[in-house]
Amino acid sequence: MAPQSDEIEDKQDGLSARKADLIDKHVGRRLRDRRRTLDLSQQDIANILGISYQQVQKYESGQNRVSAGRLYLLAHIMQTSVSHFYEGLPAGDEILSGRITDMDLIIPELETLPNVNVRDALSDLVRAIKDSKIMTS
């Protein structure tokens, strides 16, 4: 029996949501990294924006999406461009194809760790997990 139209839409919505989550997490990581570079606390950012520090935590974890207007203000506060938060994302076609996962975005982040031994060990671990049957179950 062929899938119903609603079932197909639900699967597409789930895939779209997963792709959006991937981007939200990336933007959140970039937001956190920039905040730390500037030696600002989550409370500092929250005070400037008039929100709770918990909301900043949710932005940084990708749990909550940052609106376009809020991202614009964050870029201003953090003395950078809005595009800074999207740097390092793969091409849109790759994300839309479903070939990109959180792991694909985490591995390059590991390359920024200062300790070479830790960086190499974590990179090897992440790659091993990615290639293992654990990720496909």
N, C-alpha and C. Protein backbone atom coordinates (compact mmCIF):
# COMPACT_ATOMS: atom_id res chain seq x y z
N MET A 1 0.84 -1.18 0.00
CA MET A 1 0.00 0.00 0.00
C MET A 1 0.89 1.25 0.00
N ALA A 2 0.58 2.20 -0.84
CA ALA A 2 1.36 3.43 -0.97
C ALA A 2 1.13 4.32 0.24
N PRO A 3 2.17 5.05 0.65
CA PRO A 3 2.00 5.94 1.80
C PRO A 3 0.98 7.04 1.50
N GLN A 4 0.24 7.39 2.51
CA GLN A 4 -0.74 8.46 2.39
C GLN A 4 -0.02 9.80 2.26
N SER A 5 -0.69 10.76 1.68
CA SER A 5 -0.14 12.10 1.50
C SER A 5 0.31 12.70 2.83
N ASP A 6 -0.48 12.50 3.89
CA ASP A 6 -0.14 13.04 5.20
C ASP A 6 1.15 12.42 5.74
N GLU A 7 1.34 11.10 5.48
CA GLU A 7 2.54 10.42 5.95
C GLU A 7 3.77 10.99 5.26
N ILE A 8 3.68 11.25 3.98
CA ILE A 8 4.79 11.81 3.22
C ILE A 8 5.11 13.21 3.74
N GLU A 9 4.08 14.03 3.97
CA GLU A 9 4.29 15.37 4.50
C GLU A 9 4.94 15.33 5.87
N ASP A 10 4.51 14.37 6.74
CA ASP A 10 5.08 14.25 8.07
C ASP A 10 6.57 13.92 7.97
N LYS A 11 6.93 13.00 7.07
CA LYS A 11 8.34 12.64 6.90
C LYS A 11 9.13 13.83 6.39
N GLN A 12 8.58 14.59 5.45
CA GLN A 12 9.26 15.76 4.93
C GLN A 12 9.40 16.83 6.01
N ASP A 13 8.35 17.01 6.81
CA ASP A 13 8.42 17.99 7.89
C ASP A 13 9.50 17.58 8.90
N GLY A 14 9.60 16.29 9.21
CA GLY A 14 10.62 15.80 10.14
C GLY A 14 12.01 16.03 9.59
N LEU A 15 12.20 15.77 8.30
CA LEU A 15 13.50 15.99 7.68
C LEU A 15 13.85 17.47 7.67
N SER A 16 12.88 18.31 7.34
CA SER A 16 13.11 19.76 7.34
C SER A 16 13.45 20.25 8.73
N ALA A 17 12.76 19.74 9.73
CA ALA A 17 13.02 20.14 11.11
C ALA A 17 14.42 19.72 11.52
N ARG A 18 14.84 18.53 11.12
CA ARG A 18 16.17 18.05 11.46
C ARG A 18 17.24 18.94 10.83
N LYS A 19 17.02 19.34 9.58
CA LYS A 19 17.96 20.23 8.89
C LYS A 19 18.01 21.59 9.57
N ALA A 20 16.86 22.09 9.96
CA ALA A 20 16.81 23.37 10.67
C ALA A 20 17.54 23.26 12.00
N ASP A 21 17.34 22.15 12.70
CA ASP A 21 18.02 21.94 13.98
C ASP A 21 19.54 21.95 13.79
N LEU A 22 20.00 21.35 12.73
CA LEU A 22 21.42 21.31 12.41
C LEU A 22 21.97 22.74 12.27
N ILE A 23 21.25 23.56 11.56
CA ILE A 23 21.66 24.95 11.35
C ILE A 23 21.56 25.73 12.66
N ASP A 24 20.48 25.53 13.40
CA ASP A 24 20.32 26.23 14.68
C ASP A 24 21.45 25.89 15.65
N LYS A 25 21.86 24.62 15.69
CA LYS A 25 22.95 24.21 16.57
C LYS A 25 24.26 24.85 16.13
N HIS A 26 24.47 24.92 14.83
CA HIS A 26 25.70 25.54 14.32
C HIS A 26 25.72 27.03 14.68
N VAL A 27 24.62 27.72 14.45
CA VAL A 27 24.54 29.14 14.79
C VAL A 27 24.76 29.32 16.30
N GLY A 28 24.17 28.46 17.09
CA GLY A 28 24.35 28.52 18.54
C GLY A 28 25.80 28.33 18.97
N ARG A 29 26.48 27.36 18.34
CA ARG A 29 27.90 27.15 18.65
C ARG A 29 28.74 28.37 18.28
N ARG A 30 28.44 28.95 17.12
CA ARG A 30 29.18 30.15 16.69
C ARG A 30 28.91 31.33 17.63
N LEU A 31 27.67 31.44 18.08
CA LEU A 31 27.29 32.48 19.04
C LEU A 31 28.06 32.31 20.34
N ARG A 32 28.09 31.08 20.86
CA ARG A 32 28.82 30.79 22.10
C ARG A 32 30.31 31.08 21.93
N ASP A 33 30.89 30.63 20.82
CA ASP A 33 32.32 30.84 20.60
C ASP A 33 32.66 32.33 20.53
N ARG A 34 31.82 33.11 19.84
CA ARG A 34 32.06 34.54 19.72
C ARG A 34 31.93 35.23 21.08
N ARG A 35 30.92 34.83 21.84
CA ARG A 35 30.71 35.40 23.18
C ARG A 35 31.92 35.14 24.05
N ARG A 36 32.42 33.92 24.00
CA ARG A 36 33.60 33.57 24.82
C ARG A 36 34.84 34.33 24.36
N THR A 37 35.00 34.49 23.04
CA THR A 37 36.14 35.23 22.51
C THR A 37 36.15 36.65 23.06
N LEU A 38 34.96 37.24 23.18
CA LEU A 38 34.85 38.60 23.68
C LEU A 38 34.82 38.66 25.21
N ASP A 39 34.93 37.49 25.85
CA ASP A 39 34.92 37.39 27.31
C ASP A 39 33.64 37.98 27.90
N LEU A 40 32.52 37.67 27.27
CA LEU A 40 31.21 38.08 27.77
C LEU A 40 30.52 36.87 28.38
N SER A 41 29.75 37.10 29.42
CA SER A 41 28.97 36.01 30.02
C SER A 41 27.60 35.94 29.36
N GLN A 42 26.93 34.84 29.58
CA GLN A 42 25.55 34.73 29.08
C GLN A 42 24.69 35.81 29.73
N GLN A 43 24.98 36.12 30.98
CA GLN A 43 24.22 37.16 31.69
C GLN A 43 24.47 38.52 31.07
N ASP A 44 25.71 38.79 30.64
CA ASP A 44 26.01 40.07 29.97
C ASP A 44 25.14 40.24 28.74
N ILE A 45 25.09 39.21 27.91
CA ILE A 45 24.30 39.25 26.68
C ILE A 45 22.82 39.40 27.02
N ALA A 46 22.38 38.63 28.01
CA ALA A 46 20.97 38.66 28.41
C ALA A 46 20.57 40.06 28.88
N ASN A 47 21.43 40.69 29.66
CA ASN A 47 21.13 42.03 30.17
C ASN A 47 20.99 43.04 29.03
N ILE A 48 21.88 42.96 28.06
CA ILE A 48 21.83 43.90 26.94
C ILE A 48 20.54 43.70 26.13
N LEU A 49 20.16 42.43 25.94
CA LEU A 49 18.97 42.14 25.13
C LEU A 49 17.66 42.21 25.92
N GLY A 50 17.77 42.24 27.25
CA GLY A 50 16.56 42.26 28.07
C GLY A 50 15.85 40.91 28.12
N ILE A 51 16.65 39.85 28.11
CA ILE A 51 16.10 38.49 28.20
C ILE A 51 16.82 37.77 29.34
N SER A 52 16.41 36.54 29.64
CA SER A 52 17.06 35.78 30.69
C SER A 52 18.31 35.10 30.16
N TYR A 53 19.23 34.81 31.06
CA TYR A 53 20.44 34.10 30.63
C TYR A 53 20.09 32.69 30.16
N GLN A 54 18.97 32.13 30.69
CA GLN A 54 18.53 30.81 30.24
C GLN A 54 18.17 30.83 28.76
N GLN A 55 17.60 31.95 28.31
CA GLN A 55 17.26 32.08 26.90
C GLN A 55 18.54 32.08 26.05
N VAL A 56 19.56 32.75 26.53
CA VAL A 56 20.85 32.76 25.83
C VAL A 56 21.40 31.33 25.77
N GLN A 57 21.28 30.60 26.88
CA GLN A 57 21.71 29.19 26.90
C GLN A 57 20.98 28.39 25.83
N LYS A 58 19.69 28.62 25.71
CA LYS A 58 18.90 27.88 24.72
C LYS A 58 19.30 28.25 23.29
N TYR A 59 19.62 29.49 23.07
CA TYR A 59 20.14 29.90 21.74
C TYR A 59 21.44 29.18 21.45
N GLU A 60 22.33 29.17 22.43
CA GLU A 60 23.66 28.60 22.23
C GLU A 60 23.61 27.08 22.03
N SER A 61 22.65 26.43 22.62
CA SER A 61 22.53 24.97 22.47
C SER A 61 21.76 24.60 21.21
N GLY A 62 21.12 25.58 20.60
CA GLY A 62 20.30 25.29 19.43
C GLY A 62 18.91 24.80 19.80
N GLN A 63 18.61 24.80 21.09
CA GLN A 63 17.30 24.36 21.57
C GLN A 63 16.21 25.34 21.12
N ASN A 64 16.52 26.63 21.13
CA ASN A 64 15.62 27.66 20.63
C ASN A 64 16.27 28.36 19.46
N ARG A 65 15.46 28.69 18.48
CA ARG A 65 15.96 29.43 17.32
C ARG A 65 16.13 30.90 17.63
N VAL A 66 17.16 31.46 17.04
CA VAL A 66 17.40 32.90 17.17
C VAL A 66 16.67 33.56 16.00
N SER A 67 15.79 34.49 16.28
CA SER A 67 15.07 35.18 15.21
C SER A 67 16.03 36.06 14.42
N ALA A 68 15.61 36.44 13.23
CA ALA A 68 16.45 37.28 12.37
C ALA A 68 16.79 38.60 13.06
N GLY A 69 15.81 39.21 13.68
CA GLY A 69 16.04 40.48 14.37
C GLY A 69 16.98 40.33 15.54
N ARG A 70 16.82 39.27 16.31
CA ARG A 70 17.69 39.03 17.47
C ARG A 70 19.10 38.72 17.00
N LEU A 71 19.24 37.96 15.91
CA LEU A 71 20.57 37.64 15.39
C LEU A 71 21.28 38.90 14.92
N TYR A 72 20.52 39.80 14.32
CA TYR A 72 21.08 41.08 13.88
C TYR A 72 21.63 41.86 15.08
N LEU A 73 20.85 41.90 16.17
CA LEU A 73 21.29 42.60 17.38
C LEU A 73 22.49 41.92 18.02
N LEU A 74 22.48 40.59 18.04
CA LEU A 74 23.61 39.85 18.59
C LEU A 74 24.88 40.13 17.81
N ALA A 75 24.76 40.19 16.49
CA ALA A 75 25.93 40.50 15.66
C ALA A 75 26.47 41.89 16.02
N HIS A 76 25.58 42.83 16.21
CA HIS A 76 26.00 44.19 16.59
C HIS A 76 26.69 44.19 17.95
N ILE A 77 26.07 43.54 18.92
CA ILE A 77 26.63 43.46 20.27
C ILE A 77 28.01 42.81 20.23
N MET A 78 28.15 41.79 19.42
CA MET A 78 29.39 41.02 19.37
C MET A 78 30.35 41.52 18.29
N GLN A 79 30.05 42.69 17.75
CA GLN A 79 30.94 43.37 16.81
C GLN A 79 31.37 42.47 15.66
N THR A 80 30.39 41.85 15.03
CA THR A 80 30.65 40.99 13.87
C THR A 80 29.47 41.09 12.91
N SER A 81 29.56 40.40 11.81
CA SER A 81 28.46 40.40 10.84
C SER A 81 27.52 39.23 11.13
N VAL A 82 26.32 39.33 10.65
CA VAL A 82 25.36 38.23 10.79
C VAL A 82 25.91 36.97 10.13
N SER A 83 26.59 37.15 9.00
CA SER A 83 27.11 35.99 8.27
C SER A 83 28.15 35.21 9.09
N HIS A 84 28.77 35.87 10.07
CA HIS A 84 29.74 35.18 10.93
C HIS A 84 29.14 33.93 11.55
N PHE A 85 27.89 34.00 11.93
CA PHE A 85 27.24 32.88 12.63
C PHE A 85 26.94 31.71 11.71
N TYR A 86 26.98 31.94 10.41
CA TYR A 86 26.72 30.89 9.43
C TYR A 86 28.00 30.33 8.82
N GLU A 87 29.14 30.98 9.09
CA GLU A 87 30.40 30.51 8.52
C GLU A 87 30.68 29.08 8.97
N GLY A 88 31.17 28.29 8.04
CA GLY A 88 31.49 26.90 8.34
C GLY A 88 30.36 25.93 8.04
N LEU A 89 29.19 26.45 7.72
CA LEU A 89 28.10 25.56 7.32
C LEU A 89 28.38 25.02 5.93
N PRO A 90 28.02 23.77 5.68
CA PRO A 90 28.17 23.26 4.32
C PRO A 90 27.17 23.94 3.39
N ALA A 91 27.35 23.74 2.11
CA ALA A 91 26.44 24.32 1.12
C ALA A 91 25.01 23.86 1.38
N GLY A 92 24.08 24.74 1.04
CA GLY A 92 22.66 24.43 1.25
C GLY A 92 22.23 23.14 0.57
N ASP A 93 22.77 22.86 -0.62
CA ASP A 93 22.41 21.63 -1.33
C ASP A 93 22.79 20.39 -0.53
N GLU A 94 23.95 20.46 0.13
CA GLU A 94 24.38 19.32 0.94
C GLU A 94 23.45 19.11 2.13
N ILE A 95 23.06 20.19 2.76
CA ILE A 95 22.15 20.09 3.91
C ILE A 95 20.80 19.56 3.45
N LEU A 96 20.28 20.11 2.35
CA LEU A 96 18.98 19.68 1.85
C LEU A 96 18.96 18.23 1.41
N SER A 97 20.10 17.72 0.96
CA SER A 97 20.17 16.33 0.49
C SER A 97 20.09 15.35 1.65
N GLY A 98 20.34 15.83 2.87
CA GLY A 98 20.30 14.94 4.03
C GLY A 98 21.62 14.23 4.28
N ARG A 99 22.67 14.57 3.52
CA ARG A 99 23.97 13.90 3.67
C ARG A 99 24.77 14.47 4.83
N ILE A 100 24.39 15.62 5.36
CA ILE A 100 25.14 16.27 6.43
C ILE A 100 24.47 15.96 7.77
N THR A 101 25.30 15.64 8.75
CA THR A 101 24.80 15.36 10.10
C THR A 101 25.51 16.27 11.10
N ASP A 102 25.07 16.22 12.34
CA ASP A 102 25.74 16.96 13.41
C ASP A 102 27.22 16.59 13.48
N MET A 103 27.51 15.31 13.29
CA MET A 103 28.89 14.84 13.37
C MET A 103 29.76 15.52 12.32
N ASP A 104 29.21 15.75 11.13
CA ASP A 104 29.98 16.40 10.08
C ASP A 104 30.35 17.83 10.46
N LEU A 105 29.53 18.45 11.28
CA LEU A 105 29.82 19.81 11.73
C LEU A 105 30.72 19.83 12.95
N ILE A 106 30.68 18.77 13.75
CA ILE A 106 31.48 18.72 14.98
C ILE A 106 32.95 18.45 14.66
N ILE A 107 33.21 17.58 13.71
CA ILE A 107 34.60 17.20 13.41
C ILE A 107 35.46 18.43 13.09
N PRO A 108 35.02 19.35 12.22
CA PRO A 108 35.87 20.54 11.99
C PRO A 108 36.06 21.38 13.26
N GLU A 109 35.06 21.40 14.14
CA GLU A 109 35.18 22.16 15.38
C GLU A 109 36.31 21.59 16.25
N LEU A 110 36.51 20.28 16.19
CA LEU A 110 37.56 19.66 16.98
C LEU A 110 38.94 20.16 16.56
N GLU A 111 39.06 20.53 15.31
CA GLU A 111 40.35 20.99 14.80
C GLU A 111 40.81 22.29 15.46
N THR A 112 39.90 22.99 16.13
CA THR A 112 40.26 24.25 16.78
C THR A 112 40.78 24.06 18.21
N LEU A 113 40.73 22.82 18.71
CA LEU A 113 41.23 22.57 20.07
C LEU A 113 42.75 22.77 20.11
N PRO A 114 43.26 23.42 21.17
CA PRO A 114 44.69 23.75 21.20
C PRO A 114 45.60 22.54 21.43
N ASN A 115 45.19 21.56 22.20
CA ASN A 115 46.03 20.41 22.50
C ASN A 115 45.92 19.38 21.38
N VAL A 116 47.02 19.15 20.68
CA VAL A 116 47.03 18.27 19.51
C VAL A 116 46.64 16.85 19.89
N ASN A 117 47.14 16.34 21.00
CA ASN A 117 46.83 14.96 21.40
C ASN A 117 45.35 14.79 21.70
N VAL A 118 44.78 15.73 22.42
CA VAL A 118 43.34 15.67 22.73
C VAL A 118 42.55 15.80 21.44
N ARG A 119 42.92 16.75 20.60
CA ARG A 119 42.23 16.97 19.33
C ARG A 119 42.25 15.71 18.47
N ASP A 120 43.40 15.08 18.34
CA ASP A 120 43.50 13.88 17.51
C ASP A 120 42.69 12.73 18.10
N ALA A 121 42.77 12.56 19.42
CA ALA A 121 42.03 11.48 20.07
C ALA A 121 40.52 11.66 19.91
N LEU A 122 40.04 12.89 20.11
CA LEU A 122 38.61 13.14 19.95
C LEU A 122 38.16 13.00 18.50
N SER A 123 38.98 13.47 17.56
CA SER A 123 38.65 13.32 16.14
C SER A 123 38.54 11.85 15.77
N ASP A 124 39.50 11.05 16.25
CA ASP A 124 39.46 9.61 15.96
C ASP A 124 38.22 8.97 16.57
N LEU A 125 37.89 9.36 17.80
CA LEU A 125 36.71 8.81 18.47
C LEU A 125 35.42 9.16 17.72
N VAL A 126 35.29 10.42 17.35
CA VAL A 126 34.08 10.86 16.63
C VAL A 126 33.97 10.13 15.30
N ARG A 127 35.07 10.03 14.57
CA ARG A 127 35.05 9.32 13.28
C ARG A 127 34.69 7.85 13.47
N ALA A 128 35.24 7.21 14.51
CA ALA A 128 34.94 5.80 14.77
C ALA A 128 33.46 5.60 15.08
N ILE A 129 32.91 6.49 15.88
CA ILE A 129 31.49 6.40 16.20
C ILE A 129 30.66 6.62 14.96
N LYS A 130 31.04 7.61 14.17
CA LYS A 130 30.30 7.92 12.94
C LYS A 130 30.30 6.73 11.99
N ASP A 131 31.43 6.06 11.88
CA ASP A 131 31.56 4.93 10.95
C ASP A 131 31.01 3.63 11.51
N SER A 132 30.73 3.59 12.79
CA SER A 132 30.29 2.34 13.42
C SER A 132 28.81 2.08 13.16
N LYS A 133 28.41 0.91 13.56
CA LYS A 133 27.00 0.52 13.42
C LYS A 133 26.12 1.21 14.47
N ILE A 134 26.73 1.83 15.47
CA ILE A 134 25.99 2.54 16.51
C ILE A 134 25.15 3.65 15.88
N MET A 135 25.73 4.35 14.89
CA MET A 135 25.05 5.50 14.27
C MET A 135 23.93 5.06 13.35
N THR A 136 23.96 3.82 12.89
CA THR A 136 22.93 3.37 11.95
C THR A 136 21.80 2.64 12.65
N SER A 137 21.94 2.35 13.95
CA SER A 137 20.87 1.62 14.64
C SER A 137 19.82 2.55 15.15
